[in-house]
C-alpha atoms as a PDB file:
ATOM      1  CA  MET A   1      -4.313   5.657  -2.990  1.00  0.00           C
ATOM      2  CA  ALA A   2      -7.696   6.149  -1.401  1.00  0.00           C
ATOM      3  CA  GLY A   3      -8.550   5.307   2.165  1.00  0.00           C
ATOM      4  CA  LYS A   4      -6.304   4.466   5.070  1.00  0.00           C
ATOM      5  CA  LYS A   5      -2.652   3.935   4.236  1.00  0.00           C
ATOM      6  CA  PRO A   6      -1.278   0.436   4.856  1.00  0.00           C
ATOM      7  CA  THR A   7       0.822   0.243   7.982  1.00  0.00           C
ATOM      8  CA  THR A   8       2.322  -3.233   8.033  1.00  0.00           C
ATOM      9  CA  GLU A   9       4.904  -4.712   5.700  1.00  0.00           C
ATOM     10  CA  GLU A  10       2.384  -7.241   4.410  1.00  0.00           C
ATOM     11  CA  THR A  11      -0.352  -4.702   3.708  1.00  0.00           C
ATOM     12  CA  MET A  12       2.156  -2.438   1.954  1.00  0.00           C
ATOM     13  CA  ARG A  13       3.295  -5.376  -0.168  1.00  0.00           C
ATOM     14  CA  GLN A  14      -0.295  -6.243  -1.005  1.00  0.00           C
ATOM     15  CA  ALA A  15      -1.059  -2.642  -1.993  1.00  0.00           C
ATOM     16  CA  VAL A  16       1.916  -2.600  -4.375  1.00  0.00           C
ATOM     17  CA  LEU A  17       0.982  -5.957  -5.901  1.00  0.00           C
ATOM     18  CA  GLU A  18      -2.649  -4.921  -6.288  1.00  0.00           C
ATOM     19  CA  ALA A  19      -1.666  -1.744  -8.140  1.00  0.00           C
ATOM     20  CA  PHE A  20       0.613  -3.712 -10.464  1.00  0.00           C
ATOM     21  CA  ARG A  21      -2.060  -6.353 -11.138  1.00  0.00           C
ATOM     22  CA  LYS A  22      -4.748  -3.746 -11.817  1.00  0.00           C
ATOM     23  CA  ALA A  23      -2.477  -2.025 -14.308  1.00  0.00           C
ATOM     24  CA  LYS A  24      -1.745  -5.361 -16.006  1.00  0.00           C
ATOM     25  CA  ALA A  25      -5.473  -6.165 -16.115  1.00  0.00           C
ATOM     26  CA  ALA A  26      -6.043  -2.795 -17.780  1.00  0.00           C
ATOM     27  CA  LYS A  27      -3.560  -3.996 -20.433  1.00  0.00           C
ATOM     28  CA  LEU A  28      -1.081  -1.221 -19.706  1.00  0.00           C
ATOM     29  CA  ASP A  29       2.488  -1.698 -20.885  1.00  0.00           C
ATOM     30  CA  ALA A  30       5.140  -2.914 -18.441  1.00  0.00           C
ATOM     31  CA  PRO A  31       6.565   0.540 -17.607  1.00  0.00           C
ATOM     32  CA  ALA A  32       3.081   1.837 -16.786  1.00  0.00           C
ATOM     33  CA  CYS A  33       2.458  -1.172 -14.532  1.00  0.00           C
ATOM     34  CA  TYR A  34       5.677  -0.491 -12.637  1.00  0.00           C
ATOM     35  CA  ARG A  35       4.812   3.218 -12.391  1.00  0.00           C
ATOM     36  CA  ALA A  36       1.416   2.344 -10.906  1.00  0.00           C
ATOM     37  CA  ALA A  37       3.091   0.217  -8.239  1.00  0.00           C
ATOM     38  CA  ILE A  38       5.727   2.885  -7.575  1.00  0.00           C
ATOM     39  CA  ASP A  39       3.001   5.524  -7.209  1.00  0.00           C
ATOM     40  CA  VAL A  40       1.373   3.423  -4.488  1.00  0.00           C
ATOM     41  CA  TRP A  41       4.684   3.039  -2.658  1.00  0.00           C
ATOM     42  CA  CYS A  42       5.281   6.803  -2.897  1.00  0.00           C
ATOM     43  CA  ASP A  43       1.812   7.452  -1.478  1.00  0.00           C
ATOM     44  CA  ILE A  44       2.682   5.254   1.493  1.00  0.00           C
ATOM     45  CA  HIS A  45       6.239   6.637   1.844  1.00  0.00           C
ATOM     46  CA  PRO A  46       6.243  10.249   0.604  1.00  0.00           C
ATOM     47  CA  GLU A  47       9.614  10.805   2.289  1.00  0.00           C
ATOM     48  CA  GLN A  48      11.315   8.388  -0.118  1.00  0.00           C
ATOM     49  CA  SER A  49      12.565   9.271  -3.587  1.00  0.00           C
ATOM     50  CA  ARG A  50      11.005   7.619  -6.620  1.00  0.00           C
ATOM     51  CA  THR A  51      14.338   5.874  -7.195  1.00  0.00           C
ATOM     52  CA  GLU A  52      14.209   4.303  -3.756  1.00  0.00           C
ATOM     53  CA  ALA A  53      10.525   3.469  -4.231  1.00  0.00           C
ATOM     54  CA  ALA A  54      11.336   1.817  -7.570  1.00  0.00           C
ATOM     55  CA  ALA A  55      13.996  -0.342  -5.924  1.00  0.00           C
ATOM     56  CA  ARG A  56      11.542  -1.427  -3.216  1.00  0.00           C
ATOM     57  CA  VAL A  57       8.809  -2.184  -5.753  1.00  0.00           C
ATOM     58  CA  VAL A  58      11.136  -4.246  -7.944  1.00  0.00           C
ATOM     59  CA  THR A  59      12.198  -6.247  -4.881  1.00  0.00           C
ATOM     60  CA  ILE A  60       8.553  -6.927  -3.978  1.00  0.00           C
ATOM     61  CA  LEU A  61       7.700  -7.977  -7.533  1.00  0.00           C
ATOM     62  CA  GLN A  62      10.784 -10.201  -7.841  1.00  0.00           C
ATOM     63  CA  LYS A  63       9.887 -11.987  -4.610  1.00  0.00           C
ATOM     64  CA  GLU A  64       6.347 -12.508  -5.897  1.00  0.00           C
ATOM     65  CA  VAL A  65       7.592 -13.962  -9.178  1.00  0.00           C
ATOM     66  CA  GLY A  66      10.002 -16.215  -7.286  1.00  0.00           C
ATOM     67  CA  ALA A  67       7.195 -17.448  -5.046  1.00  0.00           C
ATOM     68  CA  LEU A  68       5.017 -18.170  -8.082  1.00  0.00           C
ATOM     69  CA  ARG A  69       7.857 -20.092  -9.725  1.00  0.00           C
ATOM     70  CA  ASP A  70       8.284 -22.184  -6.582  1.00  0.00           C
ATOM     71  CA  VAL A  71       4.571 -23.045  -6.576  1.00  0.00           C
ATOM     72  CA  ALA A  72       4.624 -23.908 -10.282  1.00  0.00           C
ATOM     73  CA  ARG A  73       7.720 -26.045  -9.826  1.00  0.00           C
ATOM     74  CA  LYS A  74       6.032 -28.008  -7.039  1.00  0.00           C
ATOM     75  CA  LEU A  75       2.872 -28.452  -9.090  1.00  0.00           C
ATOM     76  CA  PHE A  76       4.736 -29.870 -12.059  1.00  0.00           C
ATOM     77  CA  GLU A  77       7.369 -31.937 -10.289  1.00  0.00           C
ATOM     78  CA  SER A  78       7.379 -35.593 -11.163  1.00  0.00           C
ATOM     79  CA  PRO A  79       6.312 -37.794  -8.260  1.00  0.00           C
END
């Protein structure tokens, strides 16, 4: 990850999501997208194992998917 490392929870989350989205946009397969996000987390937290980084990344991505589902649900709710 180039430049200054993110220091807040939100900027770390955004960095992980951005890496995942860029990998998806490049039409990489799902494992490669997760690896890209994990690599970013490991750059930010070199003291953590890849296993721990993977757990953190999955949590971030699950929360993002849940948030998107909530938005979609509200958009398509019957009045």
